[in-house]
């Protein structure tokens, strides 16, 4: 009788725990073909590192379990695997993490996919330096879950984050570390008006150089990285600590509603050195507007327009820093990339051997539209027109490119089937047409 009672208690406890655990999972496979050797731009760009331009097949599976610790706190574990052909013809981790969140904090340890914003319509997602173009990095992340109040009566709040990653891909400086932090002030005192002003800061540092050996990676060096200190140690006369590769952006977001439509105006200014820090590379940056309809099932439920300009690069003869060279760096020669994919604005592109950025002077117009066609077929359309002008010190033939993309849900049931098509029309090469099918299954 005693053991029977104990068994019942154990079973009830396990049942209660199981009721508090929520499982979710997804499996997806995609096949794509194109008329040229590589895929059209938007068929492999911003795909979370799950395809590259030479891919024809990709498949991934991921699952996570979320356990409710109490009414305000949750623990989450996620695991995902990825395979695609092309340049990296192998199985890899798509994500692998443990996470925690409560009413004010979100934390994760490991490799976790980042949230898709703007319904996937933006060319850069979070900001001009941090897109969904590459596979997520492994590291630790701490961020505010919601804005935290600074001054309630004044309508002032803030958000902040700090992240530390290891860049464990095949790169020029092995085991490069990446520091990231952000801070934004939010003013919402005026009715139907909210303005967010803030800054993102990234720094590649430490690691092992094939020329200079082990680069400075002490706690003092980290403090230089954290504060953006431009002084520090040198190796053979070249600065190799926090100056290794620092990037950042100033950001302004204005939110309002017009006739019940949610509207956001966007501005990102990017910088990589002191001249950009004091805006000498203006007008370089991202300018955009995002409009979301209150009708979720309408033909058009969201629209986005973005304008990108990166031609200035402090080339005004008013600075001793010299002309900038976005996403490139002399010491960290793999630059602002991971797994040979640009981490930020994907209109900035790599050379043929996928090692160095050879095109970072860009003027681009980008439009995204999403909605529901015929009341049951979700779609997304992306159209980009860009003028490419090369990069500092590179011989480059100016090129105008029009890229389009369509993702159309053609079946929604036990499995979801999406038809995808893309095109590239270039001023220096033949048109490129691509098409593919993606099959997705919700596992839990």
Protein backbone atom coordinates (compact mmCIF):
# COMPACT_ATOMS: atom_id res chain seq x y z
CA UNK A 1 0.00 0.00 0.00
CA UNK A 2 2.87 2.35 0.88
CA UNK A 3 4.64 1.74 -2.45
CA UNK A 4 1.39 2.09 -4.38
CA UNK A 5 0.73 5.47 -2.77
CA UNK A 6 4.30 6.57 -3.50
CA UNK A 7 3.93 5.50 -7.13
CA UNK A 8 0.74 7.49 -7.47
CA UNK A 9 2.43 10.58 -6.01
CA UNK A 10 5.38 10.20 -8.42
CA UNK A 11 3.06 9.74 -11.41
CA UNK A 12 1.00 12.76 -10.43
CA UNK A 13 4.17 14.84 -10.05
CA UNK A 14 5.46 13.74 -13.45
CA UNK A 15 2.06 14.44 -14.97
CA UNK A 16 2.10 17.96 -13.50
CA UNK A 17 5.62 18.59 -14.82
CA UNK A 18 4.64 17.28 -18.25
CA UNK A 19 1.60 19.59 -18.27
CA UNK A 20 3.96 22.51 -17.67
CA UNK A 21 6.26 21.57 -20.56
CA UNK A 22 5.25 22.84 -24.00
CA UNK A 23 6.91 21.21 -27.00
CA UNK A 24 7.19 22.66 -30.48
CA UNK A 25 9.08 21.55 -33.52
CA UNK A 26 9.38 21.96 -37.26
CA UNK A 27 10.91 20.02 -40.14
CA UNK A 28 11.45 21.53 -43.56
CA UNK A 29 12.97 20.56 -46.89
CA UNK A 30 13.58 22.77 -49.89
CA UNK A 31 14.66 22.10 -53.47
CA UNK A 32 15.69 24.94 -55.81
CA UNK A 33 16.94 25.28 -59.38
CA UNK A 34 18.19 28.21 -61.44
CA UNK A 35 18.99 29.03 -65.05
CA UNK A 36 22.52 30.19 -64.19
CA UNK A 37 25.29 28.62 -62.12
CA UNK A 38 24.22 30.41 -58.92
CA UNK A 39 20.79 31.09 -57.46
CA UNK A 40 19.05 34.46 -57.83
CA UNK A 41 19.91 36.82 -54.98
CA UNK A 42 16.81 36.58 -52.78
CA UNK A 43 16.56 32.79 -53.05
CA UNK A 44 19.66 32.33 -50.87
CA UNK A 45 19.92 35.69 -49.06
CA UNK A 46 18.60 36.18 -45.51
CA UNK A 47 17.88 32.44 -45.25
CA UNK A 48 19.53 32.08 -41.80
CA UNK A 49 22.57 30.41 -43.39
CA UNK A 50 20.45 27.48 -44.59
CA UNK A 51 21.41 27.93 -48.26
CA UNK A 52 24.15 29.53 -50.28
CA UNK A 53 24.24 30.69 -53.89
CA UNK A 54 25.35 27.27 -55.17
CA UNK A 55 22.77 25.21 -53.24
CA UNK A 56 20.06 23.07 -54.80
CA UNK A 57 18.77 21.34 -51.65
CA UNK A 58 18.36 22.25 -48.01
CA UNK A 59 16.71 20.52 -45.07
CA UNK A 60 16.50 21.32 -41.37
CA UNK A 61 14.70 20.10 -38.29
CA UNK A 62 14.41 21.85 -34.96
CA UNK A 63 12.55 21.32 -31.70
CA UNK A 64 12.30 23.06 -28.36
CA UNK A 65 10.79 22.39 -24.97
CA UNK A 66 9.54 25.22 -22.78
CA UNK A 67 9.01 24.65 -19.05
CA UNK A 68 7.06 27.13 -16.95
CA UNK A 69 8.94 27.67 -13.68
CA UNK A 70 6.25 30.02 -12.33
CA UNK A 71 3.75 32.51 -13.71
CA UNK A 72 6.56 34.93 -14.69
CA UNK A 73 9.53 32.70 -15.51
CA UNK A 74 10.25 30.04 -18.12
CA UNK A 75 13.11 27.71 -19.03
CA UNK A 76 13.62 26.68 -22.65
CA UNK A 77 15.85 24.17 -24.44
CA UNK A 78 16.22 24.09 -28.23
CA UNK A 79 18.06 21.88 -30.70
CA UNK A 80 18.16 21.94 -34.49
CA UNK A 81 20.14 20.26 -37.28
CA UNK A 82 20.77 21.52 -40.81
CA UNK A 83 22.01 20.08 -44.08
CA UNK A 84 22.41 21.82 -47.41
CA UNK A 85 24.56 21.20 -50.45
CA UNK A 86 26.70 23.85 -52.10
CA UNK A 87 29.87 25.32 -50.62
CA UNK A 88 29.30 23.62 -47.25
CA UNK A 89 28.09 20.13 -48.08
CA UNK A 90 27.68 18.79 -44.54
CA UNK A 91 25.41 18.43 -41.51
CA UNK A 92 25.67 21.27 -38.98
CA UNK A 93 23.87 22.62 -35.95
CA UNK A 94 21.14 25.04 -36.92
CA UNK A 95 20.70 25.94 -33.25
CA UNK A 96 21.49 24.49 -29.84
CA UNK A 97 20.70 26.52 -26.75
CA UNK A 98 19.27 26.77 -23.29
CA UNK A 99 17.25 29.88 -22.48
CA UNK A 100 15.54 31.64 -19.60
CA UNK A 101 13.05 34.48 -19.49
CA UNK A 102 10.96 36.25 -16.89
CA UNK A 103 8.96 39.46 -16.78
CA UNK A 104 11.97 41.67 -17.60
CA UNK A 105 14.89 39.49 -18.81
CA UNK A 106 15.59 37.19 -21.76
CA UNK A 107 18.79 35.12 -21.57
CA UNK A 108 20.25 32.34 -23.71
CA UNK A 109 23.40 30.25 -23.85
CA UNK A 110 24.42 28.52 -27.06
CA UNK A 111 23.46 29.01 -30.70
CA UNK A 112 19.95 30.43 -31.13
CA UNK A 113 18.16 31.69 -34.22
CA UNK A 114 17.24 35.36 -33.98
CA UNK A 115 13.69 36.64 -34.24
CA UNK A 116 12.41 37.62 -37.67
CA UNK A 117 11.11 41.21 -37.69
CA UNK A 118 8.92 43.18 -40.10
CA UNK A 119 7.26 39.94 -41.29
CA UNK A 120 10.44 39.08 -43.16
CA UNK A 121 10.12 42.09 -45.50
CA UNK A 122 13.29 43.94 -44.51
CA UNK A 123 16.60 43.50 -46.30
CA UNK A 124 18.44 43.67 -42.95
CA UNK A 125 15.92 42.65 -40.27
CA UNK A 126 17.12 44.11 -36.94
CA UNK A 127 19.45 46.80 -38.26
CA UNK A 128 21.93 47.55 -41.01
CA UNK A 129 24.69 45.54 -39.26
CA UNK A 130 22.71 42.52 -38.03
CA UNK A 131 20.62 40.65 -40.60
CA UNK A 132 19.40 37.05 -40.96
CA UNK A 133 21.87 36.34 -43.74
CA UNK A 134 24.17 34.00 -41.76
CA UNK A 135 23.82 31.11 -39.36
CA UNK A 136 23.55 32.23 -35.70
CA UNK A 137 26.76 32.50 -33.67
CA UNK A 138 27.37 30.56 -30.45
CA UNK A 139 27.58 32.55 -27.25
CA UNK A 140 25.70 34.11 -24.38
CA UNK A 141 22.96 36.73 -24.67
CA UNK A 142 21.24 38.93 -22.08
CA UNK A 143 18.52 41.41 -23.05
CA UNK A 144 15.54 43.22 -21.59
CA UNK A 145 12.31 41.42 -22.47
CA UNK A 146 10.21 44.58 -22.54
CA UNK A 147 11.01 48.28 -22.11
CA UNK A 148 11.91 49.09 -18.51
CA UNK A 149 10.50 52.30 -17.06
CA UNK A 150 12.91 55.10 -16.24
CA UNK A 151 10.41 57.91 -15.62
CA UNK A 152 6.74 56.95 -15.72
CA UNK A 153 5.35 60.49 -15.59
CA UNK A 154 7.68 61.58 -18.38
CA UNK A 155 6.94 58.56 -20.57
CA UNK A 156 10.58 57.48 -20.62
CA UNK A 157 11.79 53.85 -20.75
CA UNK A 158 14.75 51.90 -22.09
CA UNK A 159 15.83 48.57 -23.59
CA UNK A 160 19.35 47.12 -23.45
CA UNK A 161 21.29 44.01 -24.39
CA UNK A 162 24.77 42.53 -24.06
CA UNK A 163 26.06 39.51 -25.97
CA UNK A 164 29.38 37.68 -26.24
CA UNK A 165 30.01 35.25 -29.12
CA UNK A 166 32.77 33.05 -30.48
CA UNK A 167 33.25 33.04 -34.25
CA UNK A 168 34.06 29.35 -34.70
CA UNK A 169 33.94 29.19 -38.48
CA UNK A 170 36.85 28.79 -40.91
CA UNK A 171 38.28 32.34 -40.92
CA UNK A 172 41.56 34.22 -41.21
CA UNK A 173 41.84 34.94 -37.46
CA UNK A 174 40.76 31.75 -35.72
CA UNK A 175 38.43 31.88 -32.72
CA UNK A 176 37.68 35.56 -33.13
CA UNK A 177 35.43 36.80 -30.35
CA UNK A 178 32.51 39.11 -30.97
CA UNK A 179 31.20 41.59 -28.42
CA UNK A 180 27.78 43.21 -28.92
CA UNK A 181 25.72 45.58 -26.83
CA UNK A 182 22.82 47.92 -27.41
CA UNK A 183 20.96 50.63 -25.55
CA UNK A 184 17.79 52.46 -26.62
CA UNK A 185 15.72 55.18 -24.95
CA UNK A 186 11.98 55.18 -25.61
CA UNK A 187 9.80 58.27 -25.30
CA UNK A 188 6.02 57.68 -25.39
CA UNK A 189 4.51 60.62 -23.49
CA UNK A 190 2.76 62.04 -26.57
CA UNK A 191 -0.45 60.23 -27.54
CA UNK A 192 -0.15 58.02 -30.64
CA UNK A 193 3.57 58.77 -30.90
CA UNK A 194 6.61 56.82 -29.75
CA UNK A 195 10.23 57.56 -30.60
CA UNK A 196 13.13 55.21 -29.92
CA UNK A 197 16.71 56.50 -30.09
CA UNK A 198 19.71 54.31 -29.44
CA UNK A 199 22.93 52.68 -30.47
CA UNK A 200 24.34 49.25 -31.32
CA UNK A 201 28.02 48.45 -30.85
CA UNK A 202 29.93 45.44 -32.19
CA UNK A 203 33.62 44.57 -31.85
CA UNK A 204 35.62 41.64 -33.20
CA UNK A 205 38.62 40.98 -30.98
CA UNK A 206 41.11 38.37 -29.65
CA UNK A 207 41.66 35.14 -31.59
CA UNK A 208 44.79 33.76 -33.25
CA UNK A 209 46.29 35.45 -36.30
CA UNK A 210 48.36 33.43 -38.83
CA UNK A 211 50.84 36.34 -38.85
CA UNK A 212 50.85 37.77 -35.30
CA UNK A 213 49.89 34.68 -33.32
CA UNK A 214 47.63 34.94 -30.29
CA UNK A 215 46.04 38.39 -30.14
CA UNK A 216 45.35 40.25 -26.88
CA UNK A 217 42.39 38.66 -25.12
CA UNK A 218 42.75 39.51 -21.42
CA UNK A 219 40.12 41.03 -19.16
CA UNK A 220 41.77 44.44 -19.55
CA UNK A 221 41.56 44.03 -23.32
CA UNK A 222 37.89 43.16 -22.96
CA UNK A 223 37.33 46.36 -21.00
CA UNK A 224 38.90 48.28 -23.87
CA UNK A 225 36.52 46.47 -26.22
CA UNK A 226 33.53 47.21 -23.99
CA UNK A 227 34.31 50.93 -23.71
CA UNK A 228 35.47 51.31 -27.32
CA UNK A 229 38.89 52.48 -26.18
CA UNK A 230 41.03 53.35 -29.19
CA UNK A 231 44.30 53.03 -27.35
CA UNK A 232 45.97 49.78 -26.38
CA UNK A 233 48.54 47.19 -27.28
CA UNK A 234 50.21 46.78 -30.63
CA UNK A 235 51.90 43.87 -32.35
CA UNK A 236 54.71 44.76 -34.76
CA UNK A 237 53.46 48.32 -34.77
CA UNK A 238 49.85 47.42 -35.66
CA UNK A 239 47.01 47.87 -33.19
CA UNK A 240 45.44 44.48 -32.53
CA UNK A 241 43.14 44.80 -29.52
CA UNK A 242 39.79 46.60 -29.32
CA UNK A 243 40.62 48.40 -32.56
CA UNK A 244 40.63 45.03 -34.35
CA UNK A 245 37.27 45.61 -35.96
CA UNK A 246 34.72 47.87 -34.34
CA UNK A 247 31.35 48.62 -35.89
CA UNK A 248 28.26 50.39 -34.71
CA UNK A 249 25.08 52.14 -35.63
CA UNK A 250 22.98 55.02 -34.38
CA UNK A 251 19.28 54.27 -34.67
CA UNK A 252 16.01 56.20 -34.67
CA UNK A 253 12.57 54.55 -34.85
CA UNK A 254 9.30 56.49 -34.83
CA UNK A 255 6.06 54.57 -34.24
CA UNK A 256 2.55 55.89 -34.76
CA UNK A 257 -0.86 54.85 -36.12
CA UNK A 258 -2.61 56.38 -39.11
CA UNK A 259 -6.21 55.28 -39.79
CA UNK A 260 -5.58 52.21 -37.59
CA UNK A 261 -2.48 51.26 -39.62
CA UNK A 262 0.68 50.76 -37.57
CA UNK A 263 3.47 52.82 -39.09
CA UNK A 264 7.18 52.85 -38.25
CA UNK A 265 9.80 55.20 -39.69
CA UNK A 266 13.38 53.84 -39.58
CA UNK A 267 16.83 55.40 -39.66
CA UNK A 268 20.14 53.56 -39.12
CA UNK A 269 23.52 55.29 -39.38
CA UNK A 270 26.53 52.97 -39.54
CA UNK A 271 30.12 53.64 -38.48
CA UNK A 272 33.39 51.73 -38.33
CA UNK A 273 35.82 54.38 -37.09
CA UNK A 274 36.04 57.83 -35.54
CA UNK A 275 34.90 59.66 -38.66
CA UNK A 276 31.68 57.68 -38.83
CA UNK A 277 31.20 58.03 -35.10
CA UNK A 278 30.91 61.80 -35.55
CA UNK A 279 28.71 61.43 -38.66
CA UNK A 280 31.34 62.38 -41.25
CA UNK A 281 30.11 59.53 -43.44
CA UNK A 282 26.59 60.97 -43.65
CA UNK A 283 24.33 60.22 -45.57
CA UNK A 284 25.39 56.57 -45.38
CA UNK A 285 22.77 54.40 -43.72
CA UNK A 286 19.34 52.83 -43.86
CA UNK A 287 16.12 54.79 -44.31
CA UNK A 288 12.76 53.03 -44.23
CA UNK A 289 9.05 52.86 -43.53
CA UNK A 290 7.01 49.84 -42.40
CA UNK A 291 3.20 49.85 -42.57
CA UNK A 292 1.05 47.11 -41.08
CA UNK A 293 -2.67 46.75 -41.69
CA UNK A 294 -5.13 45.96 -38.87
CA UNK A 295 -6.70 43.43 -41.26
CA UNK A 296 -4.54 40.32 -40.95
CA UNK A 297 -6.26 38.40 -43.75
CA UNK A 298 -6.30 41.14 -46.38
CA UNK A 299 -4.59 41.00 -49.76
CA UNK A 300 -1.92 43.37 -48.41
CA UNK A 301 -1.37 43.27 -44.65
CA UNK A 302 2.14 44.73 -44.53
CA UNK A 303 4.34 46.91 -46.73
CA UNK A 304 7.96 47.99 -46.34
CA UNK A 305 10.20 50.36 -48.26
CA UNK A 306 13.92 50.76 -47.48
CA UNK A 307 16.62 52.93 -49.01
CA UNK A 308 20.28 52.07 -48.44
CA UNK A 309 23.20 54.36 -49.20
CA UNK A 310 26.83 53.43 -48.45
CA UNK A 311 28.80 55.37 -51.09
CA UNK A 312 30.16 58.20 -48.93
CA UNK A 313 32.41 56.22 -46.54
CA UNK A 314 33.96 59.44 -45.11
CA UNK A 315 35.49 60.30 -48.49
CA UNK A 316 35.27 64.09 -48.04
CA UNK A 317 38.95 65.03 -47.50
CA UNK A 318 38.01 66.32 -44.03
CA UNK A 319 39.34 63.44 -41.97
CA UNK A 320 42.72 61.83 -41.39
CA UNK A 321 41.07 58.42 -40.98
CA UNK A 322 40.96 57.91 -44.71
CA UNK A 323 38.13 56.49 -46.73
CA UNK A 324 36.14 53.81 -44.91
CA UNK A 325 35.89 50.26 -46.22
CA UNK A 326 32.70 48.83 -44.75
CA UNK A 327 32.75 45.21 -43.48
CA UNK A 328 36.48 44.82 -44.37
CA UNK A 329 39.42 44.96 -41.96
CA UNK A 330 43.18 44.63 -42.40
CA UNK A 331 43.79 42.52 -39.29
CA UNK A 332 40.53 40.57 -39.14
CA UNK A 333 40.63 39.89 -42.85
CA UNK A 334 37.53 37.71 -42.99
CA UNK A 335 35.72 40.92 -42.09
CA UNK A 336 32.12 41.24 -41.00
CA UNK A 337 31.20 37.71 -42.07
CA UNK A 338 30.39 34.32 -40.60
CA UNK A 339 30.55 31.04 -42.55
CA UNK A 340 31.49 33.17 -45.58
CA UNK A 341 28.22 35.09 -45.38
CA UNK A 342 27.91 38.80 -44.65
CA UNK A 343 26.43 39.40 -41.18
CA UNK A 344 24.87 42.76 -41.99
CA UNK A 345 23.35 44.39 -45.06
CA UNK A 346 23.42 41.59 -47.70
CA UNK A 347 23.67 44.07 -50.58
CA UNK A 348 27.30 44.35 -49.46
CA UNK A 349 28.78 41.29 -51.14
CA UNK A 350 31.90 39.11 -51.20
CA UNK A 351 34.35 38.41 -53.97
CA UNK A 352 34.33 35.17 -55.98
CA UNK A 353 36.34 33.23 -53.39
CA UNK A 354 33.95 34.40 -50.63
CA UNK A 355 36.82 35.74 -48.52
CA UNK A 356 36.83 39.53 -48.78
CA UNK A 357 34.12 42.11 -49.39
CA UNK A 358 34.61 43.51 -52.88
CA UNK A 359 31.39 45.53 -53.12
CA UNK A 360 30.40 47.84 -50.26
CA UNK A 361 29.54 51.06 -52.10
CA UNK A 362 25.86 50.55 -52.74
CA UNK A 363 22.74 52.56 -53.50
CA UNK A 364 19.66 50.35 -53.12
CA UNK A 365 15.88 50.60 -53.12
CA UNK A 366 14.06 47.68 -51.51
CA UNK A 367 10.32 46.93 -51.33
CA UNK A 368 8.57 44.12 -49.47
CA UNK A 369 4.87 43.20 -49.49
CA UNK A 370 3.01 40.42 -47.72
CA UNK A 371 -0.63 39.38 -47.46
CA UNK A 372 -3.21 36.68 -48.17
CA UNK A 373 -4.19 35.95 -51.78
CA UNK A 374 -7.62 34.48 -52.50
CA UNK A 375 -8.31 34.28 -48.73
CA UNK A 376 -6.10 31.20 -48.26
CA UNK A 377 -2.71 31.65 -49.95
CA UNK A 378 -0.14 33.62 -47.91
CA UNK A 379 2.52 35.31 -49.97
CA UNK A 380 5.62 37.49 -49.66
CA UNK A 381 7.13 39.59 -52.45
CA UNK A 382 10.57 41.21 -52.33
CA UNK A 383 11.91 43.54 -55.02
CA UNK A 384 15.29 45.28 -54.88
CA UNK A 385 17.04 47.59 -57.29
CA UNK A 386 20.66 48.30 -56.43
CA UNK A 387 23.61 50.08 -57.97
CA UNK A 388 26.93 48.47 -57.07
CA UNK A 389 30.10 50.58 -57.16
CA UNK A 390 32.72 48.19 -55.73
CA UNK A 391 34.95 48.86 -52.73
CA UNK A 392 38.00 50.85 -51.70
CA UNK A 393 41.08 49.80 -53.67
CA UNK A 394 39.22 47.26 -55.82
CA UNK A 395 38.89 47.29 -59.58
CA UNK A 396 35.17 46.84 -60.02
CA UNK A 397 32.82 47.29 -62.92
CA UNK A 398 29.75 49.31 -61.92
CA UNK A 399 26.66 47.13 -62.08
CA UNK A 400 22.92 47.73 -61.74
CA UNK A 401 20.87 44.75 -60.51
CA UNK A 402 17.12 44.20 -60.19
CA UNK A 403 16.24 41.22 -57.96
CA UNK A 404 12.76 39.85 -57.28
CA UNK A 405 11.40 37.09 -55.07
CA UNK A 406 8.03 35.42 -54.51
CA UNK A 407 7.10 33.01 -51.72
CA UNK A 408 3.56 31.66 -52.14
CA UNK A 409 1.78 29.21 -49.86
CA UNK A 410 -0.03 26.83 -52.23
CA UNK A 411 -1.14 24.21 -49.70
CA UNK A 412 -1.83 24.32 -45.99
CA UNK A 413 -2.75 21.07 -44.23
CA UNK A 414 -0.92 18.13 -42.71
CA UNK A 415 2.08 19.61 -44.47
CA UNK A 416 2.58 23.13 -45.82
CA UNK A 417 3.83 23.58 -49.36
CA UNK A 418 5.31 26.85 -50.61
CA UNK A 419 6.28 27.74 -54.16
CA UNK A 420 9.24 30.10 -54.46
CA UNK A 421 10.62 31.98 -57.43
CA UNK A 422 13.37 34.55 -57.92
CA UNK A 423 14.97 36.55 -60.70
CA UNK A 424 18.08 38.67 -61.18
CA UNK A 425 18.42 41.15 -64.04
CA UNK A 426 21.96 42.52 -64.23
CA UNK A 427 23.59 45.12 -66.43
CA UNK A 428 26.65 42.92 -67.04
CA UNK A 429 25.27 39.37 -67.22
CA UNK A 430 22.36 37.35 -68.57
CA UNK A 431 19.10 37.20 -66.61
CA UNK A 432 18.95 34.53 -63.92
CA UNK A 433 15.70 32.73 -63.13
CA UNK A 434 15.12 30.40 -60.22
CA UNK A 435 12.28 28.36 -58.74
CA UNK A 436 11.80 25.97 -55.89
CA UNK A 437 9.43 24.08 -53.59
CA UNK A 438 9.57 24.08 -49.81
CA UNK A 439 7.72 21.47 -47.73
CA UNK A 440 7.22 22.16 -44.02
CA UNK A 441 5.75 20.02 -41.25
CA UNK A 442 4.88 21.19 -37.73
CA UNK A 443 6.00 18.34 -35.48
CA UNK A 444 4.21 19.28 -32.26
